[in-house]
Amino acid sequence: MGTIYIARHALTDGHAKKIVLSWTPGIILNKTGRQQAKELAQALAPVNFTAVISSPIARAYETAGIVAELKGMTVIKDEAFSEWYMGNWSGRKISGIRDEFKEDFKIRMTAPENLEVQNAETLKDVSERMIKGLQYWAEKYIDDTILIVSHKDPIRAMLTQVLGTPVGHIKRIDIEMASITRIKFNNSHFILDMMNYIPWKPY
């Protein structure tokens, strides 16, 4: 049986700016985010990973690097785990999008599975590439333990595939910054056994 740990990246200043981060370049971890990533790394220190795989987007890759550095490992980039690509909305202020695309913004907030933005991925696209990436690495390291670092909506979309629920159910799943989710892989089946554990947040 293989074990797959999935982490969301840590905090950036971009989140406070209320913009659609998407694939916007140059969005890196801030001081709080780096501390979150360090606490994530400490929480994962007892786990022996065969591989650390990450979205190539800076905030995820940096988070993965902090975990990997503690273990003396390098990070493998895989675009399958990238953020939801939002096309013409990428990098724009959320308030401006809300004002200019009122109906589409309402769909994004209430029924994201139906959102279609110019030059963007659909949520279904995201869920399909995420589950394909998960399947590829699970089969490559079928009896090993690996870490994947990705982004909130892609992780949630992937989990709907694992759980066999409609992709629109991402609204019912919470994935915090620098949180840990764990999936077992056995006989070609994924089994979710931990979700959204947050090492840096007291309970």
C-alpha atoms as a PDB file:
ATOM      1  CA  MET A   1       0.000   0.000   0.000  1.00  0.00           C
ATOM      2  CA  GLY A   2       1.274   3.459  -0.915  1.00  0.00           C
ATOM      3  CA  THR A   3       0.752   6.622   1.081  1.00  0.00           C
ATOM      4  CA  ILE A   4       0.344  10.072  -0.452  1.00  0.00           C
ATOM      5  CA  TYR A   5       0.590  13.199   1.660  1.00  0.00           C
ATOM      6  CA  ILE A   6      -0.903  16.302   0.053  1.00  0.00           C
ATOM      7  CA  ALA A   7      -0.074  19.782   1.333  1.00  0.00           C
ATOM      8  CA  ARG A   8      -1.423  23.158   0.346  1.00  0.00           C
ATOM      9  CA  HIS A   9       1.136  25.936  -0.026  1.00  0.00           C
ATOM     10  CA  ALA A  10       1.589  28.522   2.740  1.00  0.00           C
ATOM     11  CA  LEU A  11       0.552  32.190   2.943  1.00  0.00           C
ATOM     12  CA  THR A  12       1.674  34.975   0.573  1.00  0.00           C
ATOM     13  CA  ASP A  13       1.148  38.750   0.505  1.00  0.00           C
ATOM     14  CA  GLY A  14      -0.902  38.171  -2.644  1.00  0.00           C
ATOM     15  CA  HIS A  15      -3.752  36.776  -0.579  1.00  0.00           C
ATOM     16  CA  ALA A  16      -4.137  40.051   1.337  1.00  0.00           C
ATOM     17  CA  LYS A  17      -4.271  41.996  -1.953  1.00  0.00           C
ATOM     18  CA  LYS A  18      -7.508  40.199  -2.851  1.00  0.00           C
ATOM     19  CA  ILE A  19      -6.471  39.309  -6.382  1.00  0.00           C
ATOM     20  CA  VAL A  20      -7.011  36.163  -8.424  1.00  0.00           C
ATOM     21  CA  LEU A  21      -3.582  34.613  -7.931  1.00  0.00           C
ATOM     22  CA  SER A  22      -3.996  31.766 -10.414  1.00  0.00           C
ATOM     23  CA  TRP A  23      -0.663  31.409 -12.274  1.00  0.00           C
ATOM     24  CA  THR A  24       0.461  35.000 -11.603  1.00  0.00           C
ATOM     25  CA  PRO A  25       4.283  34.917 -11.425  1.00  0.00           C
ATOM     26  CA  GLY A  26       6.325  36.237  -8.521  1.00  0.00           C
ATOM     27  CA  ILE A  27       3.841  35.475  -5.735  1.00  0.00           C
ATOM     28  CA  ILE A  28       6.111  34.078  -3.018  1.00  0.00           C
ATOM     29  CA  LEU A  29       5.663  33.231   0.647  1.00  0.00           C
ATOM     30  CA  ASN A  30       5.662  36.076   3.137  1.00  0.00           C
ATOM     31  CA  LYS A  31       7.139  35.911   6.651  1.00  0.00           C
ATOM     32  CA  THR A  32       4.049  34.242   8.085  1.00  0.00           C
ATOM     33  CA  GLY A  33       3.927  31.819   5.168  1.00  0.00           C
ATOM     34  CA  ARG A  34       7.549  30.804   5.625  1.00  0.00           C
ATOM     35  CA  GLN A  35       6.864  30.104   9.283  1.00  0.00           C
ATOM     36  CA  GLN A  36       3.804  28.047   8.341  1.00  0.00           C
ATOM     37  CA  ALA A  37       5.925  26.076   5.874  1.00  0.00           C
ATOM     38  CA  LYS A  38       8.589  25.460   8.518  1.00  0.00           C
ATOM     39  CA  GLU A  39       5.955  24.111  10.905  1.00  0.00           C
ATOM     40  CA  LEU A  40       4.595  21.965   8.093  1.00  0.00           C
ATOM     41  CA  ALA A  41       8.121  20.631   7.531  1.00  0.00           C
ATOM     42  CA  GLN A  42       8.520  19.853  11.230  1.00  0.00           C
ATOM     43  CA  ALA A  43       5.184  18.015  11.297  1.00  0.00           C
ATOM     44  CA  LEU A  44       6.320  15.903   8.335  1.00  0.00           C
ATOM     45  CA  ALA A  45       9.857  15.360   9.658  1.00  0.00           C
ATOM     46  CA  PRO A  46       9.114  11.823  10.982  1.00  0.00           C
ATOM     47  CA  VAL A  47       7.737  10.733   7.583  1.00  0.00           C
ATOM     48  CA  ASN A  48      10.164   9.050   5.178  1.00  0.00           C
ATOM     49  CA  PHE A  49       9.288  10.297   1.701  1.00  0.00           C
ATOM     50  CA  THR A  50      10.552   8.675  -1.466  1.00  0.00           C
ATOM     51  CA  ALA A  51       9.701  11.788  -3.482  1.00  0.00           C
ATOM     52  CA  VAL A  52       8.495  15.362  -3.011  1.00  0.00           C
ATOM     53  CA  ILE A  53       6.427  16.603  -5.967  1.00  0.00           C
ATOM     54  CA  SER A  54       5.071  20.111  -6.401  1.00  0.00           C
ATOM     55  CA  SER A  55       3.143  22.480  -8.566  1.00  0.00           C
ATOM     56  CA  PRO A  56       5.752  24.602 -10.385  1.00  0.00           C
ATOM     57  CA  ILE A  57       4.037  27.811  -9.243  1.00  0.00           C
ATOM     58  CA  ALA A  58       6.323  29.747  -6.904  1.00  0.00           C
ATOM     59  CA  ARG A  59       4.263  29.688  -3.697  1.00  0.00           C
ATOM     60  CA  ALA A  60       3.790  25.919  -3.865  1.00  0.00           C
ATOM     61  CA  TYR A  61       7.321  25.155  -5.030  1.00  0.00           C
ATOM     62  CA  GLU A  62       8.779  27.285  -2.231  1.00  0.00           C
ATOM     63  CA  THR A  63       6.625  25.501   0.358  1.00  0.00           C
ATOM     64  CA  ALA A  64       7.713  22.123  -1.003  1.00  0.00           C
ATOM     65  CA  GLY A  65      11.335  23.268  -0.952  1.00  0.00           C
ATOM     66  CA  ILE A  66      11.206  24.091   2.755  1.00  0.00           C
ATOM     67  CA  VAL A  67       9.899  20.593   3.493  1.00  0.00           C
ATOM     68  CA  ALA A  68      12.384  18.923   1.144  1.00  0.00           C
ATOM     69  CA  GLU A  69      15.370  20.885   2.467  1.00  0.00           C
ATOM     70  CA  LEU A  70      14.838  19.506   5.964  1.00  0.00           C
ATOM     71  CA  LYS A  71      15.076  16.024   4.489  1.00  0.00           C
ATOM     72  CA  GLY A  72      17.983  16.691   2.124  1.00  0.00           C
ATOM     73  CA  MET A  73      15.737  16.075  -0.881  1.00  0.00           C
ATOM     74  CA  THR A  74      15.019  17.914  -4.120  1.00  0.00           C
ATOM     75  CA  VAL A  75      11.576  18.845  -5.408  1.00  0.00           C
ATOM     76  CA  ILE A  76      10.111  17.416  -8.605  1.00  0.00           C
ATOM     77  CA  LYS A  77       7.887  19.863 -10.516  1.00  0.00           C
ATOM     78  CA  ASP A  78       4.676  18.602 -12.094  1.00  0.00           C
ATOM     79  CA  GLU A  79       2.214  20.934 -13.842  1.00  0.00           C
ATOM     80  CA  ALA A  80      -0.587  18.469 -13.120  1.00  0.00           C
ATOM     81  CA  PHE A  81      -0.725  19.968  -9.621  1.00  0.00           C
ATOM     82  CA  SER A  82      -0.775  23.633 -10.683  1.00  0.00           C
ATOM     83  CA  GLU A  83      -3.336  26.152  -9.514  1.00  0.00           C
ATOM     84  CA  TRP A  84      -6.673  26.517 -11.332  1.00  0.00           C
ATOM     85  CA  TYR A  85      -5.751  28.557 -14.412  1.00  0.00           C
ATOM     86  CA  MET A  86      -8.214  31.454 -14.546  1.00  0.00           C
ATOM     87  CA  GLY A  87      -7.375  32.886 -17.956  1.00  0.00           C
ATOM     88  CA  ASN A  88      -8.416  36.531 -18.344  1.00  0.00           C
ATOM     89  CA  TRP A  89      -9.170  36.816 -14.616  1.00  0.00           C
ATOM     90  CA  SER A  90      -5.609  35.975 -13.589  1.00  0.00           C
ATOM     91  CA  GLY A  91      -3.862  38.689 -11.600  1.00  0.00           C
ATOM     92  CA  ARG A  92      -6.940  40.936 -11.470  1.00  0.00           C
ATOM     93  CA  LYS A  93      -8.506  42.346  -8.317  1.00  0.00           C
ATOM     94  CA  ILE A  94     -11.464  40.305  -7.119  1.00  0.00           C
ATOM     95  CA  SER A  95     -13.507  43.489  -6.589  1.00  0.00           C
ATOM     96  CA  GLY A  96     -13.020  44.473 -10.243  1.00  0.00           C
ATOM     97  CA  ILE A  97     -14.053  41.036 -11.463  1.00  0.00           C
ATOM     98  CA  ARG A  98     -17.120  41.106  -9.223  1.00  0.00           C
ATOM     99  CA  ASP A  99     -18.159  44.455 -10.705  1.00  0.00           C
ATOM    100  CA  GLU A 100     -17.425  43.635 -14.357  1.00  0.00           C
ATOM    101  CA  PHE A 101     -18.599  40.013 -14.464  1.00  0.00           C
ATOM    102  CA  LYS A 102     -21.470  39.983 -11.980  1.00  0.00           C
ATOM    103  CA  GLU A 103     -23.174  36.805 -13.217  1.00  0.00           C
ATOM    104  CA  ASP A 104     -19.945  34.858 -13.720  1.00  0.00           C
ATOM    105  CA  PHE A 105     -18.704  35.931 -10.299  1.00  0.00           C
ATOM    106  CA  LYS A 106     -21.948  34.704  -8.742  1.00  0.00           C
ATOM    107  CA  ILE A 107     -21.458  31.356 -10.500  1.00  0.00           C
ATOM    108  CA  ARG A 108     -17.868  31.186  -9.188  1.00  0.00           C
ATOM    109  CA  MET A 109     -19.101  31.627  -5.633  1.00  0.00           C
ATOM    110  CA  THR A 110     -22.170  29.378  -5.775  1.00  0.00           C
ATOM    111  CA  ALA A 111     -21.692  26.797  -8.551  1.00  0.00           C
ATOM    112  CA  PRO A 112     -17.998  26.824  -9.578  1.00  0.00           C
ATOM    113  CA  GLU A 113     -18.441  23.679 -11.652  1.00  0.00           C
ATOM    114  CA  ASN A 114     -20.426  25.786 -14.131  1.00  0.00           C
ATOM    115  CA  LEU A 115     -17.919  28.633 -14.448  1.00  0.00           C
ATOM    116  CA  GLU A 116     -16.468  29.314 -17.885  1.00  0.00           C
ATOM    117  CA  VAL A 117     -13.954  32.147 -18.095  1.00  0.00           C
ATOM    118  CA  GLN A 118     -12.282  33.169 -21.353  1.00  0.00           C
ATOM    119  CA  ASN A 119      -9.009  31.261 -21.889  1.00  0.00           C
ATOM    120  CA  ALA A 120      -9.397  29.525 -18.519  1.00  0.00           C
ATOM    121  CA  GLU A 121      -9.711  25.957 -17.308  1.00  0.00           C
ATOM    122  CA  THR A 122     -13.028  24.675 -16.068  1.00  0.00           C
ATOM    123  CA  LEU A 123     -13.183  23.104 -12.643  1.00  0.00           C
ATOM    124  CA  LYS A 124     -13.737  19.757 -14.348  1.00  0.00           C
ATOM    125  CA  ASP A 125     -10.493  20.279 -16.286  1.00  0.00           C
ATOM    126  CA  VAL A 126      -8.689  20.898 -13.010  1.00  0.00           C
ATOM    127  CA  SER A 127     -10.132  17.828 -11.297  1.00  0.00           C
ATOM    128  CA  GLU A 128      -9.219  15.590 -14.227  1.00  0.00           C
ATOM    129  CA  ARG A 129      -5.589  16.704 -14.496  1.00  0.00           C
ATOM    130  CA  MET A 130      -5.190  16.467 -10.723  1.00  0.00           C
ATOM    131  CA  ILE A 131      -6.521  12.914 -10.501  1.00  0.00           C
ATOM    132  CA  LYS A 132      -4.403  11.865 -13.491  1.00  0.00           C
ATOM    133  CA  GLY A 133      -1.336  13.279 -11.776  1.00  0.00           C
ATOM    134  CA  LEU A 134      -2.246  11.550  -8.538  1.00  0.00           C
ATOM    135  CA  GLN A 135      -2.732   8.239 -10.352  1.00  0.00           C
ATOM    136  CA  TYR A 136       0.595   8.563 -12.169  1.00  0.00           C
ATOM    137  CA  TRP A 137       2.660   9.157  -9.030  1.00  0.00           C
ATOM    138  CA  ALA A 138       0.705   6.596  -6.983  1.00  0.00           C
ATOM    139  CA  GLU A 139       1.501   3.916  -9.544  1.00  0.00           C
ATOM    140  CA  LYS A 140       5.128   5.033  -9.894  1.00  0.00           C
ATOM    141  CA  TYR A 141       5.649   4.759  -6.127  1.00  0.00           C
ATOM    142  CA  ILE A 142       3.072   2.080  -5.492  1.00  0.00           C
ATOM    143  CA  ASP A 143       4.457   0.879  -2.144  1.00  0.00           C
ATOM    144  CA  ASP A 144       6.161   4.097  -1.063  1.00  0.00           C
ATOM    145  CA  THR A 145       5.276   7.349   0.674  1.00  0.00           C
ATOM    146  CA  ILE A 146       5.314  10.612  -1.283  1.00  0.00           C
ATOM    147  CA  LEU A 147       4.413  14.260  -0.758  1.00  0.00           C
ATOM    148  CA  ILE A 148       2.526  16.427  -3.252  1.00  0.00           C
ATOM    149  CA  VAL A 149       2.265  20.203  -2.757  1.00  0.00           C
ATOM    150  CA  SER A 150      -0.529  21.991  -4.582  1.00  0.00           C
ATOM    151  CA  HIS A 151      -3.271  24.619  -4.190  1.00  0.00           C
ATOM    152  CA  LYS A 152      -6.636  24.895  -2.468  1.00  0.00           C
ATOM    153  CA  ASP A 153      -9.147  24.498  -5.289  1.00  0.00           C
ATOM    154  CA  PRO A 154      -7.153  21.842  -7.176  1.00  0.00           C
ATOM    155  CA  ILE A 155      -6.774  19.790  -3.991  1.00  0.00           C
ATOM    156  CA  ARG A 156     -10.486  20.097  -3.271  1.00  0.00           C
ATOM    157  CA  ALA A 157     -11.350  19.180  -6.858  1.00  0.00           C
ATOM    158  CA  MET A 158      -9.113  16.121  -6.647  1.00  0.00           C
ATOM    159  CA  LEU A 159     -10.730  15.047  -3.395  1.00  0.00           C
ATOM    160  CA  THR A 160     -14.172  15.080  -5.021  1.00  0.00           C
ATOM    161  CA  GLN A 161     -12.768  12.554  -7.513  1.00  0.00           C
ATOM    162  CA  VAL A 162     -11.323  10.427  -4.712  1.00  0.00           C
ATOM    163  CA  LEU A 163     -14.612  10.503  -2.826  1.00  0.00           C
ATOM    164  CA  GLY A 164     -16.764   9.983  -5.926  1.00  0.00           C
ATOM    165  CA  THR A 165     -18.800  13.140  -5.403  1.00  0.00           C
ATOM    166  CA  PRO A 166     -19.674  15.900  -7.926  1.00  0.00           C
ATOM    167  CA  VAL A 167     -16.870  18.378  -8.488  1.00  0.00           C
ATOM    168  CA  GLY A 168     -19.158  21.198  -7.383  1.00  0.00           C
ATOM    169  CA  HIS A 169     -18.906  19.781  -3.878  1.00  0.00           C
ATOM    170  CA  ILE A 170     -15.569  21.540  -3.429  1.00  0.00           C
ATOM    171  CA  LYS A 171     -17.625  24.134  -1.543  1.00  0.00           C
ATOM    172  CA  ARG A 172     -18.130  21.501   1.167  1.00  0.00           C
ATOM    173  CA  ILE A 173     -14.388  20.859   1.628  1.00  0.00           C
ATOM    174  CA  ASP A 174     -11.940  23.137   3.429  1.00  0.00           C
ATOM    175  CA  ILE A 175      -8.201  23.003   2.772  1.00  0.00           C
ATOM    176  CA  GLU A 176      -6.226  25.538   4.839  1.00  0.00           C
ATOM    177  CA  MET A 177      -2.823  27.051   4.139  1.00  0.00           C
ATOM    178  CA  ALA A 178       0.053  24.633   4.796  1.00  0.00           C
ATOM    179  CA  SER A 179      -2.366  21.877   5.787  1.00  0.00           C
ATOM    180  CA  ILE A 180      -1.866  18.145   5.405  1.00  0.00           C
ATOM    181  CA  THR A 181      -4.222  15.682   3.749  1.00  0.00           C
ATOM    182  CA  ARG A 182      -3.369  11.991   3.403  1.00  0.00           C
ATOM    183  CA  ILE A 183      -4.518   9.357   0.939  1.00  0.00           C
ATOM    184  CA  LYS A 184      -3.736   5.646   0.860  1.00  0.00           C
ATOM    185  CA  PHE A 185      -3.383   3.823  -2.446  1.00  0.00           C
ATOM    186  CA  ASN A 186      -4.317   0.138  -2.420  1.00  0.00           C
ATOM    187  CA  ASN A 187      -5.338  -2.202  -5.265  1.00  0.00           C
ATOM    188  CA  SER A 188      -5.777   0.781  -7.614  1.00  0.00           C
ATOM    189  CA  HIS A 189      -8.110   2.492  -5.138  1.00  0.00           C
ATOM    190  CA  PHE A 190      -7.611   5.753  -3.263  1.00  0.00           C
ATOM    191  CA  ILE A 191      -8.655   5.888   0.383  1.00  0.00           C
ATOM    192  CA  LEU A 192      -8.831   9.254   2.156  1.00  0.00           C
ATOM    193  CA  ASP A 193      -7.757   8.792   5.768  1.00  0.00           C
ATOM    194  CA  MET A 194      -6.835  12.321   6.925  1.00  0.00           C
ATOM    195  CA  MET A 195      -7.859  15.761   5.701  1.00  0.00           C
ATOM    196  CA  ASN A 196      -6.894  19.353   6.444  1.00  0.00           C
ATOM    197  CA  TYR A 197      -4.643  18.801   9.452  1.00  0.00           C
ATOM    198  CA  ILE A 198      -3.070  22.206  10.161  1.00  0.00           C
ATOM    199  CA  PRO A 199       0.284  21.910  12.010  1.00  0.00           C
ATOM    200  CA  TRP A 200       0.657  25.649  12.669  1.00  0.00           C
ATOM    201  CA  LYS A 201      -2.881  26.259  13.970  1.00  0.00           C
ATOM    202  CA  PRO A 202      -3.791  25.394  17.565  1.00  0.00           C
ATOM    203  CA  TYR A 203      -6.905  23.306  18.063  1.00  0.00           C
END
